[in-house]
C-alpha cells in the first residue's frame, strides 16, 4: 500500500473511530488521517503481539486499524477525564 492509500485508509478509519468514540475534541482532516494511521500501527502491533511475533511495529488492515484507532481515542478520552 502506498502512502496515498495509507492516508486514505487513515481518513476513513479515523472518521469511523471518531463517530464511535466521541472525545469532544475537534480534529481537522489532517488530525483524522493521523488518527487512522496511528490506529493502524497500534492495531498491527497488537495483532503481532497476540500472534506471538513479538513487538513488531507494522500497519494493519481495516479491522485492526479501526480497533487501534478506537483504542487511541479511548486513551485520549480517559486522559482528558483524569485531568
Protein backbone atom coordinates (compact mmCIF):
# COMPACT_ATOMS: atom_id res chain seq x y z
CA UNK A 1 0.00 0.00 0.00
CA UNK A 2 1.42 3.35 -0.95
CA UNK A 3 1.42 6.47 1.15
CA UNK A 4 -1.71 7.84 -0.53
CA UNK A 5 -3.57 4.58 0.11
CA UNK A 6 -2.38 4.55 3.71
CA UNK A 7 -3.59 8.16 4.14
CA UNK A 8 -6.96 7.30 2.58
CA UNK A 9 -7.29 4.31 4.90
CA UNK A 10 -6.38 6.60 7.80
CA UNK A 11 -9.05 9.14 6.83
CA UNK A 12 -11.83 6.58 6.57
CA UNK A 13 -10.81 4.71 9.71
CA UNK A 14 -10.34 7.98 11.62
CA UNK A 15 -13.82 9.16 10.67
CA UNK A 16 -15.43 5.89 11.75
CA UNK A 17 -13.47 5.82 15.03
CA UNK A 18 -14.35 9.44 15.82
CA UNK A 19 -18.04 8.62 15.25
CA UNK A 20 -17.79 5.57 17.52
CA UNK A 21 -15.87 7.27 20.36
CA UNK A 22 -16.66 10.98 20.69
CA UNK A 23 -13.99 12.83 22.65
CA UNK A 24 -15.28 16.39 22.44
CA UNK A 25 -12.12 17.45 20.61
CA UNK A 26 -12.19 18.95 17.14
CA UNK A 27 -9.79 17.25 14.76
CA UNK A 28 -9.21 18.60 11.31
CA UNK A 29 -8.82 16.50 8.21
CA UNK A 30 -5.11 16.02 8.89
CA UNK A 31 -5.75 15.06 12.51
CA UNK A 32 -8.31 12.47 11.40
CA UNK A 33 -5.86 11.00 8.89
CA UNK A 34 -3.12 10.83 11.53
CA UNK A 35 -5.55 9.22 13.99
CA UNK A 36 -6.37 6.49 11.47
CA UNK A 37 -2.71 5.94 10.58
CA UNK A 38 -1.68 5.72 14.25
CA UNK A 39 -4.61 3.38 14.84
CA UNK A 40 -3.36 1.18 12.03
CA UNK A 41 0.07 0.90 13.59
CA UNK A 42 -1.41 0.30 17.07
CA UNK A 43 -3.74 -2.39 15.69
CA UNK A 44 -0.94 -4.06 13.73
CA UNK A 45 1.36 -4.06 16.73
CA UNK A 46 -1.29 -5.56 19.00
CA UNK A 47 -2.04 -8.22 16.37
CA UNK A 48 1.65 -9.15 16.08
CA UNK A 49 1.97 -9.43 19.87
CA UNK A 50 -1.12 -11.65 20.05
CA UNK A 51 0.19 -13.79 17.16
CA UNK A 52 3.45 -14.32 19.03
CA UNK A 53 5.62 -12.38 16.58
CA UNK A 54 6.88 -10.06 19.31
CA UNK A 55 6.67 -6.30 19.35
CA UNK A 56 6.66 -5.73 15.58
CA UNK A 57 5.54 -2.24 14.55
CA UNK A 58 3.54 -2.68 11.36
CA UNK A 59 0.32 -1.35 9.86
CA UNK A 60 -2.86 -3.38 9.99
CA UNK A 61 -5.88 -3.92 7.77
CA UNK A 62 -9.28 -2.28 8.08
CA UNK A 63 -10.48 -4.03 11.21
CA UNK A 64 -7.16 -3.81 13.05
CA UNK A 65 -6.86 -0.15 12.09
CA UNK A 66 -10.33 0.61 13.38
CA UNK A 67 -9.72 -1.23 16.66
CA UNK A 68 -6.39 0.55 17.08
CA UNK A 69 -7.93 3.97 16.41
CA UNK A 70 -10.72 3.27 18.89
CA UNK A 71 -8.10 2.28 21.49
CA UNK A 72 -6.22 5.53 20.83
CA UNK A 73 -9.41 7.58 21.25
CA UNK A 74 -10.38 5.74 24.44
CA UNK A 75 -6.93 6.52 25.87
CA UNK A 76 -7.29 10.19 24.85
CA UNK A 77 -10.77 10.33 26.41
CA UNK A 78 -9.51 8.65 29.61
CA UNK A 79 -6.57 11.06 29.82
CA UNK A 80 -8.88 14.07 29.36
CA UNK A 81 -11.23 12.88 32.09
CA UNK A 82 -8.38 12.35 34.57
CA UNK A 83 -7.03 15.91 34.14
